[in-house]
N, C-alpha and C. Protein backbone atom coordinates (compact mmCIF):
# COMPACT_ATOMS: atom_id res chain seq x y z
N MET A 1 176.36 -146.87 -103.70
CA MET A 1 176.52 -146.09 -102.28
C MET A 1 175.40 -147.20 -101.29
N PRO A 2 176.30 -147.69 -100.02
CA PRO A 2 175.12 -148.51 -99.01
C PRO A 2 174.17 -148.11 -98.45
N ALA A 3 173.54 -149.41 -98.62
CA ALA A 3 172.55 -149.00 -97.93
C ALA A 3 172.51 -148.73 -96.20
N LYS A 4 171.41 -147.93 -95.67
CA LYS A 4 171.15 -147.08 -94.31
C LYS A 4 171.17 -148.61 -93.14
N MET A 5 171.91 -148.51 -92.55
CA MET A 5 171.70 -149.24 -91.56
C MET A 5 170.22 -148.97 -90.65
N PRO A 6 169.50 -150.31 -90.82
CA PRO A 6 168.44 -150.32 -89.94
C PRO A 6 168.53 -150.09 -88.26
N GLN A 7 167.90 -149.60 -87.92
CA GLN A 7 167.59 -149.01 -86.21
C GLN A 7 166.51 -150.45 -85.89
N ILE A 8 167.06 -151.18 -85.21
CA ILE A 8 166.48 -152.26 -84.52
C ILE A 8 166.73 -152.18 -82.76
N ALA A 9 165.13 -151.98 -82.37
CA ALA A 9 164.96 -152.30 -80.86
C ALA A 9 165.66 -152.84 -80.40
N ARG A 10 166.74 -152.70 -78.96
CA ARG A 10 167.91 -153.47 -78.23
C ARG A 10 167.52 -152.86 -76.82
N ARG A 11 166.79 -154.06 -76.22
CA ARG A 11 167.49 -153.76 -74.76
C ARG A 11 169.23 -153.79 -74.29
N GLY A 12 169.09 -152.57 -73.29
CA GLY A 12 170.48 -152.57 -72.74
C GLY A 12 170.96 -153.14 -72.16
N LEU A 13 172.10 -153.40 -72.06
CA LEU A 13 173.05 -154.53 -71.13
C LEU A 13 174.25 -153.56 -70.06
N LEU A 14 174.26 -155.11 -69.41
CA LEU A 14 175.02 -154.09 -67.76
C LEU A 14 176.61 -154.73 -68.59
N LEU A 15 176.95 -153.77 -68.20
CA LEU A 15 179.13 -154.61 -68.48
C LEU A 15 179.84 -153.98 -67.32
N VAL A 16 180.06 -155.01 -66.63
CA VAL A 16 180.57 -154.88 -65.52
C VAL A 16 181.91 -155.36 -65.40
N LEU A 17 182.92 -154.00 -64.95
CA LEU A 17 184.72 -154.45 -65.03
C LEU A 17 184.63 -154.50 -63.46
N SER A 18 186.11 -155.52 -62.80
CA SER A 18 186.74 -155.59 -62.00
C SER A 18 187.39 -155.95 -61.36
N SER A 19 188.12 -155.85 -60.91
CA SER A 19 189.90 -155.82 -60.95
C SER A 19 190.47 -155.81 -58.98
N PRO A 20 191.63 -156.02 -58.67
CA PRO A 20 192.07 -155.87 -57.58
C PRO A 20 192.83 -153.48 -57.66
N SER A 21 192.42 -153.26 -56.61
CA SER A 21 193.08 -151.99 -56.92
C SER A 21 194.05 -151.50 -57.25
N GLY A 22 194.18 -150.72 -58.76
CA GLY A 22 195.67 -150.32 -59.90
C GLY A 22 195.68 -151.49 -60.68
N ALA A 23 194.51 -152.40 -60.66
CA ALA A 23 194.50 -152.99 -61.81
C ALA A 23 194.84 -152.66 -63.48
N GLY A 24 193.47 -151.24 -62.79
CA GLY A 24 193.11 -150.21 -64.38
C GLY A 24 192.09 -150.30 -64.82
N LYS A 25 191.04 -150.40 -63.61
CA LYS A 25 189.65 -150.82 -64.56
C LYS A 25 188.90 -149.12 -64.27
N THR A 26 189.55 -148.53 -64.00
CA THR A 26 188.89 -147.64 -63.75
C THR A 26 189.51 -146.19 -65.12
N THR A 27 190.73 -146.75 -65.43
CA THR A 27 190.97 -145.93 -66.51
C THR A 27 190.73 -146.44 -67.83
N LEU A 28 189.74 -147.75 -67.78
CA LEU A 28 189.23 -148.19 -68.42
C LEU A 28 188.29 -147.71 -69.18
N SER A 29 187.44 -147.79 -67.90
CA SER A 29 185.80 -147.14 -68.08
C SER A 29 185.96 -146.30 -68.56
N ARG A 30 187.03 -145.40 -67.77
CA ARG A 30 187.34 -143.82 -68.81
C ARG A 30 186.78 -143.45 -70.02
N ALA A 31 187.99 -144.45 -70.60
CA ALA A 31 188.04 -144.34 -72.03
C ALA A 31 186.95 -144.85 -72.77
N LEU A 32 186.49 -146.14 -71.79
CA LEU A 32 185.53 -146.33 -73.12
C LEU A 32 184.05 -145.54 -72.76
N LEU A 33 184.21 -144.93 -72.15
CA LEU A 33 182.46 -144.09 -71.54
C LEU A 33 183.01 -142.71 -72.88
N ALA A 34 184.32 -142.12 -72.82
CA ALA A 34 185.14 -141.36 -73.71
C ALA A 34 184.39 -141.27 -75.04
N GLY A 35 184.72 -142.84 -75.67
CA GLY A 35 184.45 -143.40 -77.18
C GLY A 35 183.51 -143.24 -77.11
N ASP A 36 182.09 -143.49 -76.66
CA ASP A 36 181.46 -144.33 -76.95
C ASP A 36 179.79 -144.07 -75.69
N PRO A 37 179.08 -143.20 -76.67
CA PRO A 37 178.27 -142.76 -76.15
C PRO A 37 176.72 -143.50 -75.92
N GLY A 38 177.14 -144.33 -76.34
CA GLY A 38 175.71 -145.22 -76.26
C GLY A 38 176.21 -146.29 -74.94
N ILE A 39 176.80 -145.69 -73.92
CA ILE A 39 177.03 -146.34 -72.94
C ILE A 39 177.77 -145.23 -71.94
N GLU A 40 176.28 -145.77 -70.55
CA GLU A 40 176.82 -144.31 -69.24
C GLU A 40 177.85 -144.84 -68.58
N LEU A 41 177.81 -144.30 -67.34
CA LEU A 41 178.40 -144.99 -65.90
C LEU A 41 177.49 -144.73 -65.03
N SER A 42 176.63 -146.26 -64.54
CA SER A 42 176.57 -146.63 -63.28
C SER A 42 177.05 -145.67 -61.98
N VAL A 43 176.39 -144.72 -61.81
CA VAL A 43 177.69 -143.44 -60.01
C VAL A 43 176.86 -144.41 -59.12
N SER A 44 177.93 -145.05 -58.63
CA SER A 44 178.18 -145.27 -57.22
C SER A 44 177.13 -144.56 -56.01
N VAL A 45 176.65 -145.51 -54.68
CA VAL A 45 176.27 -144.29 -54.33
C VAL A 45 177.05 -145.01 -52.45
N THR A 46 177.81 -144.36 -51.88
CA THR A 46 179.12 -144.71 -51.16
C THR A 46 179.34 -143.76 -50.04
N THR A 47 180.01 -144.38 -48.60
CA THR A 47 179.69 -143.74 -47.49
C THR A 47 180.99 -143.02 -47.06
N ARG A 48 182.27 -143.08 -47.95
CA ARG A 48 184.15 -142.73 -48.08
C ARG A 48 183.64 -141.38 -48.37
N LYS A 49 184.23 -140.91 -47.64
CA LYS A 49 184.16 -138.97 -48.37
C LYS A 49 184.72 -139.02 -49.76
N PRO A 50 185.12 -138.20 -50.34
CA PRO A 50 185.18 -138.05 -51.58
C PRO A 50 187.13 -137.34 -51.92
N ARG A 51 187.10 -137.78 -52.56
CA ARG A 51 188.83 -137.55 -52.20
C ARG A 51 189.00 -136.55 -53.50
N PRO A 52 190.19 -136.17 -53.70
CA PRO A 52 190.19 -134.43 -54.25
C PRO A 52 189.93 -134.69 -56.27
N GLY A 53 188.85 -133.91 -56.28
CA GLY A 53 188.99 -133.69 -57.62
C GLY A 53 187.51 -134.29 -57.34
N GLU A 54 186.61 -135.34 -56.86
CA GLU A 54 185.43 -136.29 -57.09
C GLU A 54 184.29 -135.23 -56.61
N VAL A 55 183.53 -135.78 -57.57
CA VAL A 55 182.33 -134.07 -57.65
C VAL A 55 181.18 -135.01 -57.61
N ASP A 56 180.09 -134.81 -55.81
CA ASP A 56 178.99 -135.54 -55.49
C ASP A 56 177.95 -135.77 -57.15
N GLY A 57 177.51 -136.77 -57.19
CA GLY A 57 175.95 -136.71 -57.99
C GLY A 57 176.98 -137.23 -59.32
N LYS A 58 178.45 -136.94 -60.14
CA LYS A 58 178.79 -137.85 -60.85
C LYS A 58 180.24 -138.72 -60.78
N ASP A 59 181.04 -138.67 -59.84
CA ASP A 59 182.06 -139.77 -59.92
C ASP A 59 181.00 -140.66 -58.53
N TYR A 60 180.78 -140.10 -57.53
CA TYR A 60 179.56 -140.95 -56.58
C TYR A 60 178.42 -140.24 -55.77
N PHE A 61 177.73 -140.82 -55.06
CA PHE A 61 176.27 -140.36 -54.32
C PHE A 61 177.20 -140.28 -52.78
N PHE A 62 177.52 -138.84 -52.44
CA PHE A 62 178.15 -139.31 -51.05
C PHE A 62 177.15 -138.76 -49.99
N VAL A 63 177.06 -139.88 -49.36
CA VAL A 63 175.74 -140.56 -48.27
C VAL A 63 176.22 -140.42 -47.04
N ASP A 64 175.80 -140.90 -45.49
CA ASP A 64 176.14 -140.95 -44.77
C ASP A 64 175.67 -142.79 -44.64
N GLU A 65 176.16 -142.72 -43.19
CA GLU A 65 175.83 -144.23 -42.82
C GLU A 65 174.45 -144.87 -42.75
N LYS A 66 174.18 -143.02 -41.86
CA LYS A 66 172.51 -144.01 -41.90
C LYS A 66 171.33 -143.74 -43.22
N LYS A 67 171.66 -142.99 -44.48
CA LYS A 67 171.06 -143.42 -45.50
C LYS A 67 171.51 -143.72 -46.45
N PHE A 68 172.67 -144.43 -46.17
CA PHE A 68 173.12 -145.77 -46.65
C PHE A 68 172.28 -146.70 -46.58
N GLN A 69 171.88 -147.24 -45.19
CA GLN A 69 171.00 -148.38 -44.93
C GLN A 69 170.02 -148.12 -45.37
N ARG A 70 168.92 -146.93 -45.07
CA ARG A 70 167.73 -146.58 -45.22
C ARG A 70 167.98 -147.42 -46.94
N MET A 71 168.33 -146.90 -47.41
CA MET A 71 168.35 -147.23 -49.03
C MET A 71 168.48 -148.91 -49.25
N VAL A 72 169.36 -149.52 -48.30
CA VAL A 72 169.33 -151.17 -48.38
C VAL A 72 167.84 -151.51 -47.85
N GLU A 73 166.89 -151.29 -46.90
CA GLU A 73 166.02 -150.97 -46.20
C GLU A 73 165.10 -151.07 -47.07
N LYS A 74 164.13 -150.53 -47.91
CA LYS A 74 163.96 -150.05 -48.88
C LYS A 74 164.17 -150.11 -49.97
N GLY A 75 165.36 -151.12 -50.68
CA GLY A 75 165.08 -151.89 -51.56
C GLY A 75 166.09 -151.02 -53.15
N GLU A 76 166.20 -149.94 -52.40
CA GLU A 76 166.76 -149.34 -53.59
C GLU A 76 168.13 -149.53 -53.96
N LEU A 77 168.83 -150.53 -53.65
CA LEU A 77 170.28 -150.63 -54.60
C LEU A 77 169.80 -151.91 -55.06
N LEU A 78 170.83 -152.31 -56.39
CA LEU A 78 170.28 -153.04 -56.64
C LEU A 78 171.51 -154.35 -56.67
N GLU A 79 172.32 -153.41 -56.09
CA GLU A 79 173.69 -154.20 -54.91
C GLU A 79 174.59 -153.90 -54.16
N TRP A 80 175.54 -154.16 -52.59
CA TRP A 80 175.97 -153.05 -52.38
C TRP A 80 176.85 -153.82 -51.68
N ALA A 81 177.88 -153.18 -51.42
CA ALA A 81 178.35 -154.31 -50.33
C ALA A 81 179.82 -153.39 -49.84
N ARG A 82 180.59 -153.90 -48.27
CA ARG A 82 181.70 -153.35 -47.56
C ARG A 82 182.87 -153.45 -47.80
N VAL A 83 183.24 -152.50 -48.52
CA VAL A 83 184.61 -152.09 -48.80
C VAL A 83 185.78 -150.73 -48.29
N PHE A 84 187.19 -152.37 -47.26
CA PHE A 84 187.96 -151.26 -46.45
C PHE A 84 186.99 -150.16 -45.83
N GLN A 85 185.92 -150.99 -44.56
CA GLN A 85 185.66 -150.04 -43.93
C GLN A 85 183.91 -148.54 -44.70
N HIS A 86 183.93 -148.95 -46.13
CA HIS A 86 183.10 -147.67 -46.50
C HIS A 86 182.10 -148.54 -47.17
N CYS A 87 180.95 -148.32 -47.43
CA CYS A 87 179.99 -149.02 -47.96
C CYS A 87 180.22 -148.22 -49.66
N TYR A 88 179.85 -149.00 -50.41
CA TYR A 88 179.22 -148.83 -51.56
C TYR A 88 177.83 -149.23 -52.58
N GLY A 89 176.51 -148.77 -53.63
CA GLY A 89 175.79 -149.52 -53.54
C GLY A 89 175.42 -149.17 -55.30
N THR A 90 174.65 -150.03 -56.20
CA THR A 90 174.00 -149.05 -56.89
C THR A 90 172.50 -148.61 -56.96
N PRO A 91 172.17 -147.42 -57.75
CA PRO A 91 170.66 -147.44 -57.49
C PRO A 91 170.08 -148.34 -57.55
N ARG A 92 169.05 -148.56 -58.30
CA ARG A 92 168.14 -149.41 -59.02
C ARG A 92 167.35 -148.38 -60.24
N GLY A 93 167.14 -147.72 -59.60
CA GLY A 93 165.93 -146.90 -60.93
C GLY A 93 166.38 -146.73 -62.06
N ALA A 94 167.48 -145.70 -61.54
CA ALA A 94 168.51 -145.55 -63.22
C ALA A 94 169.00 -146.37 -63.58
N VAL A 95 168.82 -147.76 -63.17
CA VAL A 95 169.81 -148.81 -64.77
C VAL A 95 168.42 -149.13 -64.98
N GLU A 96 166.96 -149.55 -64.53
CA GLU A 96 165.97 -150.46 -65.02
C GLU A 96 165.44 -149.70 -65.88
N LYS A 97 166.01 -148.07 -65.95
CA LYS A 97 165.32 -146.94 -66.69
C LYS A 97 166.19 -147.07 -68.25
N ALA A 98 167.66 -147.31 -67.96
CA ALA A 98 168.60 -146.82 -68.76
C ALA A 98 167.99 -148.42 -70.14
N LEU A 99 168.19 -149.29 -69.17
CA LEU A 99 167.76 -151.02 -69.96
C LEU A 99 167.10 -150.52 -70.92
N ALA A 100 165.96 -150.68 -70.64
CA ALA A 100 164.18 -150.61 -71.05
C ALA A 100 164.86 -150.08 -72.10
N GLU A 101 165.33 -148.87 -71.84
CA GLU A 101 165.28 -147.45 -73.05
C GLU A 101 166.00 -147.88 -73.83
N GLY A 102 167.20 -148.99 -74.30
CA GLY A 102 168.23 -149.64 -74.75
C GLY A 102 169.42 -148.88 -74.59
N ARG A 103 169.91 -148.41 -73.51
CA ARG A 103 170.85 -147.64 -73.22
C ARG A 103 171.59 -148.59 -72.32
N ASP A 104 173.42 -148.91 -72.66
CA ASP A 104 174.03 -149.72 -71.54
C ASP A 104 174.34 -148.78 -70.77
N VAL A 105 174.91 -149.51 -69.79
CA VAL A 105 175.42 -148.92 -68.25
C VAL A 105 176.45 -149.65 -67.83
N LEU A 106 177.56 -149.05 -67.76
CA LEU A 106 178.91 -149.36 -66.83
C LEU A 106 179.39 -149.56 -65.55
N PHE A 107 179.19 -150.52 -65.34
CA PHE A 107 179.64 -150.56 -63.79
C PHE A 107 181.27 -151.09 -63.30
N ASP A 108 181.55 -150.11 -62.29
CA ASP A 108 183.20 -150.08 -61.65
C ASP A 108 183.20 -150.40 -59.87
N ILE A 109 182.65 -151.93 -60.13
CA ILE A 109 182.49 -152.69 -58.98
C ILE A 109 183.48 -153.59 -58.54
N ASP A 110 183.51 -154.28 -57.63
CA ASP A 110 184.02 -155.44 -56.85
C ASP A 110 183.23 -156.79 -57.79
N TRP A 111 184.04 -158.13 -57.28
CA TRP A 111 183.51 -158.94 -57.60
C TRP A 111 181.54 -159.00 -56.28
N GLN A 112 181.74 -159.09 -54.93
CA GLN A 112 180.75 -159.13 -54.69
C GLN A 112 179.34 -157.70 -54.95
N GLY A 113 179.82 -157.24 -55.70
CA GLY A 113 178.58 -156.50 -56.42
C GLY A 113 178.58 -157.17 -57.73
N ALA A 114 179.30 -157.87 -58.40
CA ALA A 114 178.97 -159.06 -59.66
C ALA A 114 178.10 -159.63 -58.79
N GLN A 115 178.18 -160.88 -58.40
CA GLN A 115 177.56 -161.40 -57.54
C GLN A 115 176.25 -160.95 -57.01
N GLN A 116 175.80 -160.13 -57.20
CA GLN A 116 174.86 -159.64 -56.12
C GLN A 116 174.09 -159.19 -57.73
N LEU A 117 174.54 -158.95 -58.73
CA LEU A 117 173.98 -158.50 -59.87
C LEU A 117 173.80 -159.41 -60.70
N ALA A 118 174.47 -160.78 -61.21
CA ALA A 118 174.21 -161.92 -61.10
C ALA A 118 172.75 -162.34 -60.81
N GLU A 119 172.76 -162.14 -59.41
CA GLU A 119 171.35 -163.18 -58.71
C GLU A 119 170.02 -162.32 -59.13
N LYS A 120 170.22 -161.21 -59.45
CA LYS A 120 168.98 -160.48 -59.90
C LYS A 120 168.80 -159.79 -61.45
N MET A 121 169.93 -159.88 -62.31
CA MET A 121 169.85 -159.69 -63.70
C MET A 121 170.73 -159.85 -64.94
N ALA A 122 170.73 -161.54 -64.47
CA ALA A 122 171.93 -162.44 -65.33
C ALA A 122 171.90 -162.18 -66.56
N GLY A 123 170.27 -162.11 -67.20
CA GLY A 123 170.50 -162.07 -68.49
C GLY A 123 170.90 -161.11 -69.25
N ASP A 124 170.99 -159.85 -68.14
CA ASP A 124 171.11 -158.72 -68.86
C ASP A 124 172.62 -158.06 -68.46
N LEU A 125 173.50 -158.93 -68.03
CA LEU A 125 174.81 -158.81 -67.27
C LEU A 125 176.42 -159.61 -67.99
N VAL A 126 176.88 -158.77 -68.76
CA VAL A 126 178.54 -158.71 -69.25
C VAL A 126 179.31 -158.40 -68.13
N ARG A 127 180.24 -159.85 -67.40
CA ARG A 127 181.52 -159.43 -66.55
C ARG A 127 182.88 -159.11 -67.81
N VAL A 128 183.13 -158.65 -67.20
CA VAL A 128 184.94 -158.68 -67.74
C VAL A 128 185.53 -158.05 -66.62
N PHE A 129 187.10 -158.97 -66.02
CA PHE A 129 188.14 -159.19 -64.78
C PHE A 129 188.83 -158.85 -65.28
N ILE A 130 189.18 -157.46 -65.01
CA ILE A 130 190.81 -156.95 -65.43
C ILE A 130 192.15 -157.11 -64.12
N LEU A 131 192.98 -157.68 -64.91
CA LEU A 131 194.18 -158.45 -64.52
C LEU A 131 195.15 -157.43 -64.72
N PRO A 132 196.26 -157.77 -63.43
CA PRO A 132 197.51 -156.98 -63.71
C PRO A 132 198.58 -157.28 -64.38
N PRO A 133 199.60 -157.17 -65.40
CA PRO A 133 200.86 -158.19 -65.63
C PRO A 133 201.19 -158.65 -64.99
N SER A 134 201.67 -158.31 -63.68
CA SER A 134 202.54 -158.73 -62.45
C SER A 134 201.81 -157.85 -61.32
N GLY A 135 202.32 -159.22 -59.84
CA GLY A 135 202.18 -158.44 -58.70
C GLY A 135 203.22 -156.90 -59.16
N LYS A 136 204.58 -157.42 -59.26
CA LYS A 136 204.67 -155.75 -58.82
C LYS A 136 204.04 -154.85 -59.75
N VAL A 137 203.92 -155.06 -60.77
CA VAL A 137 203.28 -153.77 -61.19
C VAL A 137 201.77 -153.59 -61.17
N LEU A 138 201.37 -153.96 -60.62
CA LEU A 138 200.56 -153.77 -59.78
C LEU A 138 200.58 -153.13 -58.73
N GLU A 139 201.64 -153.23 -57.11
CA GLU A 139 202.16 -152.14 -56.25
C GLU A 139 202.30 -150.94 -56.45
N SER A 140 203.51 -151.14 -57.88
CA SER A 140 204.28 -149.49 -57.91
C SER A 140 202.98 -148.92 -58.99
N ARG A 141 201.67 -149.72 -58.60
CA ARG A 141 200.78 -148.03 -59.67
C ARG A 141 199.70 -148.14 -58.34
N LEU A 142 200.31 -148.72 -57.48
CA LEU A 142 198.99 -147.87 -56.31
C LEU A 142 199.56 -147.15 -55.73
N GLU A 143 201.46 -147.29 -55.27
CA GLU A 143 202.22 -146.41 -55.28
C GLU A 143 202.47 -145.33 -55.64
N THR A 144 202.67 -145.11 -57.42
CA THR A 144 202.35 -143.95 -58.09
C THR A 144 201.09 -143.33 -57.73
N ARG A 145 200.12 -144.17 -57.60
CA ARG A 145 198.94 -142.96 -57.87
C ARG A 145 198.78 -142.04 -56.75
N ALA A 146 199.45 -142.29 -55.54
CA ALA A 146 199.68 -140.97 -54.64
C ALA A 146 197.84 -140.91 -53.83
N GLN A 147 197.08 -141.35 -54.01
CA GLN A 147 195.46 -140.55 -53.38
C GLN A 147 195.95 -141.70 -52.24
N ASP A 148 196.52 -142.75 -51.55
CA ASP A 148 196.37 -143.20 -50.33
C ASP A 148 197.73 -143.32 -49.78
N PRO A 149 197.47 -143.04 -48.19
CA PRO A 149 198.63 -143.20 -47.72
C PRO A 149 199.42 -144.83 -47.57
N PRO A 150 200.88 -144.81 -46.91
CA PRO A 150 201.57 -146.17 -47.41
C PRO A 150 200.44 -147.78 -47.06
N GLU A 151 199.62 -147.47 -45.71
CA GLU A 151 199.29 -148.48 -44.87
C GLU A 151 197.95 -149.33 -45.77
N VAL A 152 197.32 -147.63 -46.35
CA VAL A 152 196.06 -148.59 -47.47
C VAL A 152 196.22 -148.74 -48.12
N VAL A 153 197.77 -148.28 -48.97
CA VAL A 153 198.45 -149.32 -49.79
C VAL A 153 198.85 -150.96 -50.15
N ALA A 154 199.08 -151.02 -48.94
CA ALA A 154 199.27 -152.22 -48.19
C ALA A 154 198.05 -153.13 -47.71
N LYS A 155 196.97 -152.62 -47.60
CA LYS A 155 195.86 -153.48 -47.52
C LYS A 155 195.28 -153.69 -48.04
N ARG A 156 195.62 -152.66 -49.77
CA ARG A 156 194.94 -153.14 -50.82
C ARG A 156 195.67 -154.67 -51.45
N MET A 157 197.46 -154.09 -51.55
CA MET A 157 198.04 -155.68 -51.86
C MET A 157 197.46 -156.31 -51.35
N ALA A 158 197.21 -157.03 -49.99
CA ALA A 158 197.35 -158.19 -48.78
C ALA A 158 195.73 -158.46 -49.71
N ALA A 159 194.86 -157.35 -50.24
CA ALA A 159 193.08 -158.10 -50.31
C ALA A 159 193.83 -158.39 -51.84
N ALA A 160 194.66 -158.26 -52.49
CA ALA A 160 194.70 -158.18 -54.07
C ALA A 160 194.08 -160.12 -54.06
N ALA A 161 195.18 -160.62 -53.44
CA ALA A 161 195.02 -162.26 -53.88
C ALA A 161 193.59 -162.65 -54.30
N ALA A 162 193.18 -162.35 -52.71
CA ALA A 162 191.21 -162.73 -52.18
C ALA A 162 190.35 -162.23 -53.78
N GLU A 163 191.02 -161.10 -54.30
CA GLU A 163 190.19 -160.44 -54.98
C GLU A 163 189.91 -161.27 -56.71
N ILE A 164 191.44 -161.67 -56.62
CA ILE A 164 192.14 -162.36 -57.94
C ILE A 164 191.00 -163.64 -58.14
N SER A 165 191.05 -164.36 -56.87
CA SER A 165 190.96 -165.02 -56.55
C SER A 165 189.43 -165.67 -57.51
N HIS A 166 188.76 -164.91 -57.27
CA HIS A 166 186.95 -164.62 -58.47
C HIS A 166 187.27 -164.52 -60.27
N TRP A 167 188.24 -164.66 -60.80
CA TRP A 167 188.80 -164.04 -61.88
C TRP A 167 187.33 -165.12 -62.92
N ALA A 168 187.27 -166.56 -62.39
CA ALA A 168 187.04 -167.65 -62.84
C ALA A 168 185.09 -167.19 -62.57
N GLU A 169 184.73 -166.52 -62.19
CA GLU A 169 183.81 -166.27 -62.05
C GLU A 169 182.60 -165.23 -63.52
N TYR A 170 183.70 -164.81 -64.46
CA TYR A 170 183.43 -163.99 -64.92
C TYR A 170 183.78 -164.35 -66.02
N GLU A 171 182.84 -163.45 -67.39
CA GLU A 171 182.67 -163.91 -68.97
C GLU A 171 184.33 -163.68 -69.85
N TYR A 172 184.73 -162.31 -69.37
CA TYR A 172 185.94 -162.17 -69.63
C TYR A 172 187.12 -161.94 -69.17
N VAL A 173 188.55 -161.69 -69.14
CA VAL A 173 189.38 -161.50 -68.63
C VAL A 173 190.39 -160.68 -69.40
N ILE A 174 190.36 -159.66 -69.38
CA ILE A 174 191.50 -159.11 -69.73
C ILE A 174 193.28 -158.34 -69.07
N VAL A 175 193.81 -158.93 -69.42
CA VAL A 175 195.75 -158.44 -69.03
C VAL A 175 195.48 -157.38 -68.83
N ASN A 176 195.84 -156.10 -67.74
CA ASN A 176 195.92 -154.76 -68.79
C ASN A 176 197.02 -154.86 -68.25
N ALA A 177 198.29 -155.12 -69.83
CA ALA A 177 199.96 -154.73 -69.67
C ALA A 177 200.03 -153.78 -70.52
N ASP A 178 198.92 -153.40 -71.64
CA ASP A 178 199.30 -152.37 -72.13
C ASP A 178 197.19 -151.71 -72.81
N LEU A 179 197.84 -150.25 -72.05
CA LEU A 179 196.13 -149.63 -72.62
C LEU A 179 195.20 -149.41 -73.56
N LEU A 180 196.16 -149.25 -74.77
CA LEU A 180 195.07 -149.39 -76.36
C LEU A 180 195.06 -150.67 -76.44
N SER A 181 195.33 -151.97 -76.88
CA SER A 181 195.23 -153.07 -76.68
C SER A 181 194.37 -153.47 -75.48
N SER A 182 193.89 -152.35 -74.60
CA SER A 182 192.86 -153.59 -73.37
C SER A 182 191.96 -152.81 -73.90
N ILE A 183 191.42 -151.52 -73.92
CA ILE A 183 190.40 -150.70 -74.39
C ILE A 183 190.21 -151.23 -75.56
N ALA A 184 190.97 -151.33 -76.76
CA ALA A 184 190.81 -152.36 -78.24
C ALA A 184 189.98 -153.78 -77.91
N GLY A 185 189.95 -154.23 -76.47
CA GLY A 185 189.72 -155.71 -76.61
C GLY A 185 188.36 -155.01 -75.52
N LEU A 186 187.69 -154.41 -74.88
CA LEU A 186 186.83 -154.03 -74.23
C LEU A 186 186.14 -153.50 -74.77
N LYS A 187 186.49 -152.84 -76.10
CA LYS A 187 185.69 -152.25 -77.07
C LYS A 187 184.63 -153.59 -77.96
N SER A 188 185.43 -154.17 -78.19
CA SER A 188 185.21 -155.64 -78.93
C SER A 188 184.14 -156.74 -78.20
N ILE A 189 184.65 -156.81 -76.78
CA ILE A 189 183.33 -157.39 -76.42
C ILE A 189 182.17 -156.84 -76.27
N LEU A 190 181.87 -155.54 -75.50
CA LEU A 190 181.20 -154.80 -75.74
C LEU A 190 180.40 -154.22 -77.54
N ALA A 191 180.96 -154.92 -78.44
CA ALA A 191 180.11 -154.64 -79.47
C ALA A 191 179.53 -156.45 -79.53
N ALA A 192 180.43 -156.51 -79.79
CA ALA A 192 179.37 -158.47 -79.73
C ALA A 192 178.77 -158.73 -79.41
N GLU A 193 178.35 -157.89 -77.58
CA GLU A 193 177.60 -158.22 -76.45
C GLU A 193 176.02 -158.00 -77.21
N ARG A 194 175.84 -155.99 -77.90
CA ARG A 194 175.32 -156.02 -78.62
C ARG A 194 174.58 -156.26 -79.42
N LEU A 195 175.62 -157.26 -80.26
CA LEU A 195 174.55 -158.02 -81.44
C LEU A 195 173.85 -159.49 -80.98
N LYS A 196 174.36 -159.66 -79.38
CA LYS A 196 173.54 -161.12 -79.10
C LYS A 196 172.21 -161.34 -79.77
N ARG A 197 171.68 -162.39 -80.35
CA ARG A 197 170.26 -162.48 -80.73
C ARG A 197 169.13 -161.85 -79.59
N ASP A 198 169.14 -161.97 -78.97
CA ASP A 198 168.24 -162.42 -77.33
C ASP A 198 168.03 -160.98 -76.72
N ARG A 199 169.65 -160.21 -77.05
CA ARG A 199 169.52 -158.43 -76.20
C ARG A 199 167.98 -158.00 -77.61
N LEU A 200 168.84 -158.45 -78.41
CA LEU A 200 168.23 -157.41 -80.44
C LEU A 200 166.54 -157.80 -79.95
N LEU A 201 165.17 -156.92 -79.31
CA LEU A 201 163.73 -157.34 -79.38
C LEU A 201 162.99 -156.85 -80.20
N GLY A 202 163.45 -156.26 -81.54
CA GLY A 202 162.57 -155.71 -82.62
C GLY A 202 163.43 -156.55 -83.47
N LEU A 203 164.45 -157.61 -83.28
CA LEU A 203 165.06 -158.36 -84.52
C LEU A 203 163.10 -159.12 -85.22
N SER A 204 162.89 -159.62 -84.45
CA SER A 204 162.02 -160.81 -85.24
C SER A 204 160.91 -159.80 -86.24
N ALA A 205 160.61 -158.37 -85.95
CA ALA A 205 159.62 -157.74 -86.91
C ALA A 205 160.40 -156.91 -87.94
N PHE A 206 162.33 -156.91 -87.45
CA PHE A 206 162.51 -157.22 -88.25
C PHE A 206 162.95 -157.61 -89.71
N VAL A 207 162.80 -159.13 -89.22
CA VAL A 207 162.99 -160.72 -90.61
C VAL A 207 161.56 -160.00 -90.87
N ARG A 208 160.68 -160.08 -90.22
CA ARG A 208 159.30 -160.32 -90.88
C ARG A 208 159.08 -159.50 -91.93
N SER A 209 159.49 -158.16 -91.97
CA SER A 209 159.04 -157.25 -92.80
C SER A 209 160.53 -157.34 -93.94
N ILE A 210 161.51 -157.79 -94.01
CA ILE A 210 162.28 -158.59 -95.08
C ILE A 210 161.73 -159.81 -95.57
N THR A 211 161.25 -160.36 -94.72
CA THR A 211 160.48 -161.74 -95.55
C THR A 211 159.35 -161.53 -96.34
N ARG A 212 158.78 -160.66 -95.70
CA ARG A 212 157.19 -160.26 -96.49
C ARG A 212 157.56 -159.50 -98.12
N SER A 213 158.57 -158.76 -98.25
CA SER A 213 158.83 -158.08 -99.22
C SER A 213 160.06 -159.09 -100.43
N LEU A 214 160.10 -160.14 -99.79
CA LEU A 214 160.80 -161.12 -101.16
C LEU A 214 159.71 -161.96 -102.26
């Protein structure tokens, strides 16, 4: 019978996925969350209106501009940015609590938010940039998503090059040509980062317990 895996206390990590719109980061996020109970989604605050099927408190916290600005002024957001005339931000309290309890937090945010997190919590951060296999595939995905009008699709395509230019700021890059392969790659990244020595807070005590028994 194999030995039981010991439980070693671990600090959580912040897993950031960024990409131009349509590259697949939301699909990858959902797949990872569905298959791994050890990671949870950071629910962002936004000033935009809900899309069909979105639920307040689950997909986003939907607030008006005044409330969002009050949260910024009070330091209640770890990061925030204005994207396509709307504001998005990450509530601080829930994230800090999850890390202290050894739970991982997934972020579906852009490069601006990733930069702000890097300034405040660099040691906890793992950044993954998702690239489309080609510009034509990216445009096709935006058109078939059928959630945005043509003029919004055009704006997102125009912004894609600027967003992609930040890929080198990320520790990992996944080219999302095949969904199953991309999910497997993302899981591998998370598994490796969870085993980093600096995150295993209980490792020194565990090693001492072994050496005492020798």
